[in-house]
Amino acid sequence: MVVLVLLASVLPAHADTAVLALAGSVTDVLNNIRNWIMGILAGLATVFLTIGGVRRVMAGGDPGEHEKAKECFKSAGWGYGLAALAPLVVEILKGIVGA
């Protein structure tokens, strides 16, 4: 009996939809993806550039540390290059999707 009273007293649930993100079109979504990719890649490249610079300064003539610093600089260069190419990748995706 108590269960029936509890079930009867429950109000019906309202199916109000909450919009979490609003994108007008596929182009907006792809542009947002491009911006995120560019930001993440540029941020990581800056971290690698900073690490490489610190390693270079702290190397103190150690050839192994100089090589590690050069690898960090190369990684930073790749990161900045990929960040610069992110708009091209998004244009290719737009061509594939048809946006």
C-alpha atoms as a PDB file:
ATOM      1  CA  MET A   1       0.000   0.000   0.000  1.00  0.00           C
ATOM      2  CA  VAL A   2       2.806   2.416   0.881  1.00  0.00           C
ATOM      3  CA  VAL A   3       4.479   1.728  -2.450  1.00  0.00           C
ATOM      4  CA  LEU A   4       1.303   2.571  -4.321  1.00  0.00           C
ATOM      5  CA  VAL A   5       0.926   5.838  -2.414  1.00  0.00           C
ATOM      6  CA  LEU A   6       4.547   6.778  -3.148  1.00  0.00           C
ATOM      7  CA  LEU A   7       4.211   5.933  -6.832  1.00  0.00           C
ATOM      8  CA  ALA A   8       0.958   7.866  -7.123  1.00  0.00           C
ATOM      9  CA  SER A   9       2.410  10.917  -5.399  1.00  0.00           C
ATOM     10  CA  VAL A  10       5.377  11.193  -7.741  1.00  0.00           C
ATOM     11  CA  LEU A  11       4.890  13.986 -10.216  1.00  0.00           C
ATOM     12  CA  PRO A  12       5.451  13.189 -13.864  1.00  0.00           C
ATOM     13  CA  ALA A  13       8.916  14.101 -15.078  1.00  0.00           C
ATOM     14  CA  HIS A  14       9.166  17.010 -17.473  1.00  0.00           C
ATOM     15  CA  ALA A  15      11.314  16.418 -20.489  1.00  0.00           C
ATOM     16  CA  ASP A  16      12.848  19.883 -20.719  1.00  0.00           C
ATOM     17  CA  THR A  17      15.897  19.767 -22.893  1.00  0.00           C
ATOM     18  CA  ALA A  18      18.896  21.795 -21.885  1.00  0.00           C
ATOM     19  CA  VAL A  19      21.166  22.967 -24.651  1.00  0.00           C
ATOM     20  CA  LEU A  20      24.768  22.391 -23.607  1.00  0.00           C
ATOM     21  CA  ALA A  21      26.419  23.594 -26.779  1.00  0.00           C
ATOM     22  CA  LEU A  22      25.031  25.529 -29.680  1.00  0.00           C
ATOM     23  CA  ALA A  23      26.512  25.193 -33.117  1.00  0.00           C
ATOM     24  CA  GLY A  24      24.702  26.689 -36.053  1.00  0.00           C
ATOM     25  CA  SER A  25      26.217  24.402 -38.640  1.00  0.00           C
ATOM     26  CA  VAL A  26      28.856  21.813 -39.379  1.00  0.00           C
ATOM     27  CA  THR A  27      31.168  24.660 -40.397  1.00  0.00           C
ATOM     28  CA  ASP A  28      30.934  26.116 -36.888  1.00  0.00           C
ATOM     29  CA  VAL A  29      31.776  22.748 -35.366  1.00  0.00           C
ATOM     30  CA  LEU A  30      34.774  22.278 -37.655  1.00  0.00           C
ATOM     31  CA  ASN A  31      36.003  25.803 -36.938  1.00  0.00           C
ATOM     32  CA  ASN A  32      35.749  25.094 -33.218  1.00  0.00           C
ATOM     33  CA  ILE A  33      37.707  21.880 -33.702  1.00  0.00           C
ATOM     34  CA  ARG A  34      40.356  23.818 -35.628  1.00  0.00           C
ATOM     35  CA  ASN A  35      40.663  26.372 -32.857  1.00  0.00           C
ATOM     36  CA  TRP A  36      41.046  23.677 -30.215  1.00  0.00           C
ATOM     37  CA  ILE A  37      43.648  21.790 -32.254  1.00  0.00           C
ATOM     38  CA  MET A  38      45.651  24.948 -32.880  1.00  0.00           C
ATOM     39  CA  GLY A  39      45.516  25.929 -29.219  1.00  0.00           C
ATOM     40  CA  ILE A  40      46.570  22.536 -27.916  1.00  0.00           C
ATOM     41  CA  LEU A  41      49.394  22.138 -30.438  1.00  0.00           C
ATOM     42  CA  ALA A  42      50.713  25.651 -29.902  1.00  0.00           C
ATOM     43  CA  GLY A  43      50.572  25.191 -26.132  1.00  0.00           C
ATOM     44  CA  LEU A  44      52.457  21.892 -26.252  1.00  0.00           C
ATOM     45  CA  ALA A  45      55.000  23.340 -28.672  1.00  0.00           C
ATOM     46  CA  THR A  46      55.597  26.231 -26.301  1.00  0.00           C
ATOM     47  CA  VAL A  47      56.145  23.782 -23.439  1.00  0.00           C
ATOM     48  CA  PHE A  48      58.699  21.843 -25.519  1.00  0.00           C
ATOM     49  CA  LEU A  49      60.406  25.067 -26.554  1.00  0.00           C
ATOM     50  CA  THR A  50      60.686  26.124 -22.920  1.00  0.00           C
ATOM     51  CA  ILE A  51      62.002  22.726 -21.829  1.00  0.00           C
ATOM     52  CA  GLY A  52      64.536  22.763 -24.661  1.00  0.00           C
ATOM     53  CA  GLY A  53      65.698  26.238 -23.689  1.00  0.00           C
ATOM     54  CA  VAL A  54      66.096  25.281 -20.050  1.00  0.00           C
ATOM     55  CA  ARG A  55      68.001  22.127 -21.002  1.00  0.00           C
ATOM     56  CA  ARG A  56      70.246  24.120 -23.297  1.00  0.00           C
ATOM     57  CA  VAL A  57      71.045  26.664 -20.591  1.00  0.00           C
ATOM     58  CA  MET A  58      71.544  24.032 -17.880  1.00  0.00           C
ATOM     59  CA  ALA A  59      73.607  21.668 -20.088  1.00  0.00           C
ATOM     60  CA  GLY A  60      76.941  23.079 -18.965  1.00  0.00           C
ATOM     61  CA  GLY A  61      78.851  21.585 -21.893  1.00  0.00           C
ATOM     62  CA  ASP A  62      77.309  18.120 -21.642  1.00  0.00           C
ATOM     63  CA  PRO A  63      76.839  16.892 -25.230  1.00  0.00           C
ATOM     64  CA  GLY A  64      74.009  14.529 -24.212  1.00  0.00           C
ATOM     65  CA  GLU A  65      71.983  17.371 -22.752  1.00  0.00           C
ATOM     66  CA  HIS A  66      72.611  19.477 -25.862  1.00  0.00           C
ATOM     67  CA  GLU A  67      71.202  16.652 -27.985  1.00  0.00           C
ATOM     68  CA  LYS A  68      68.148  16.383 -25.737  1.00  0.00           C
ATOM     69  CA  ALA A  69      67.657  20.141 -26.031  1.00  0.00           C
ATOM     70  CA  LYS A  70      67.870  19.898 -29.818  1.00  0.00           C
ATOM     71  CA  GLU A  71      65.247  17.153 -29.788  1.00  0.00           C
ATOM     72  CA  CYS A  72      62.964  19.399 -27.726  1.00  0.00           C
ATOM     73  CA  PHE A  73      63.500  22.228 -30.211  1.00  0.00           C
ATOM     74  CA  LYS A  74      62.670  19.875 -33.095  1.00  0.00           C
ATOM     75  CA  SER A  75      59.501  18.744 -31.308  1.00  0.00           C
ATOM     76  CA  ALA A  76      58.525  22.370 -30.746  1.00  0.00           C
ATOM     77  CA  GLY A  77      59.079  23.085 -34.438  1.00  0.00           C
ATOM     78  CA  TRP A  78      56.871  20.154 -35.409  1.00  0.00           C
ATOM     79  CA  GLY A  79      54.189  21.342 -32.998  1.00  0.00           C
ATOM     80  CA  TYR A  80      54.191  24.884 -34.376  1.00  0.00           C
ATOM     81  CA  GLY A  81      54.181  23.530 -37.926  1.00  0.00           C
ATOM     82  CA  LEU A  82      51.200  21.286 -37.250  1.00  0.00           C
ATOM     83  CA  ALA A  83      49.380  24.128 -35.510  1.00  0.00           C
ATOM     84  CA  ALA A  84      49.927  26.246 -38.607  1.00  0.00           C
ATOM     85  CA  LEU A  85      48.547  23.431 -40.780  1.00  0.00           C
ATOM     86  CA  ALA A  86      45.415  22.905 -38.663  1.00  0.00           C
ATOM     87  CA  PRO A  87      43.309  25.246 -40.858  1.00  0.00           C
ATOM     88  CA  LEU A  88      44.297  23.170 -43.898  1.00  0.00           C
ATOM     89  CA  VAL A  89      43.189  19.982 -42.145  1.00  0.00           C
ATOM     90  CA  VAL A  90      39.840  21.562 -41.317  1.00  0.00           C
ATOM     91  CA  GLU A  91      39.367  22.658 -44.934  1.00  0.00           C
ATOM     92  CA  ILE A  92      40.023  19.077 -46.044  1.00  0.00           C
ATOM     93  CA  LEU A  93      37.457  17.845 -43.499  1.00  0.00           C
ATOM     94  CA  LYS A  94      34.962  20.403 -44.782  1.00  0.00           C
ATOM     95  CA  GLY A  95      35.494  19.059 -48.293  1.00  0.00           C
ATOM     96  CA  ILE A  96      34.937  15.496 -47.109  1.00  0.00           C
ATOM     97  CA  VAL A  97      31.833  16.347 -45.083  1.00  0.00           C
ATOM     98  CA  GLY A  98      30.499  18.675 -47.740  1.00  0.00           C
ATOM     99  CA  ALA A  99      30.148  21.733 -45.537  1.00  0.00           C
END
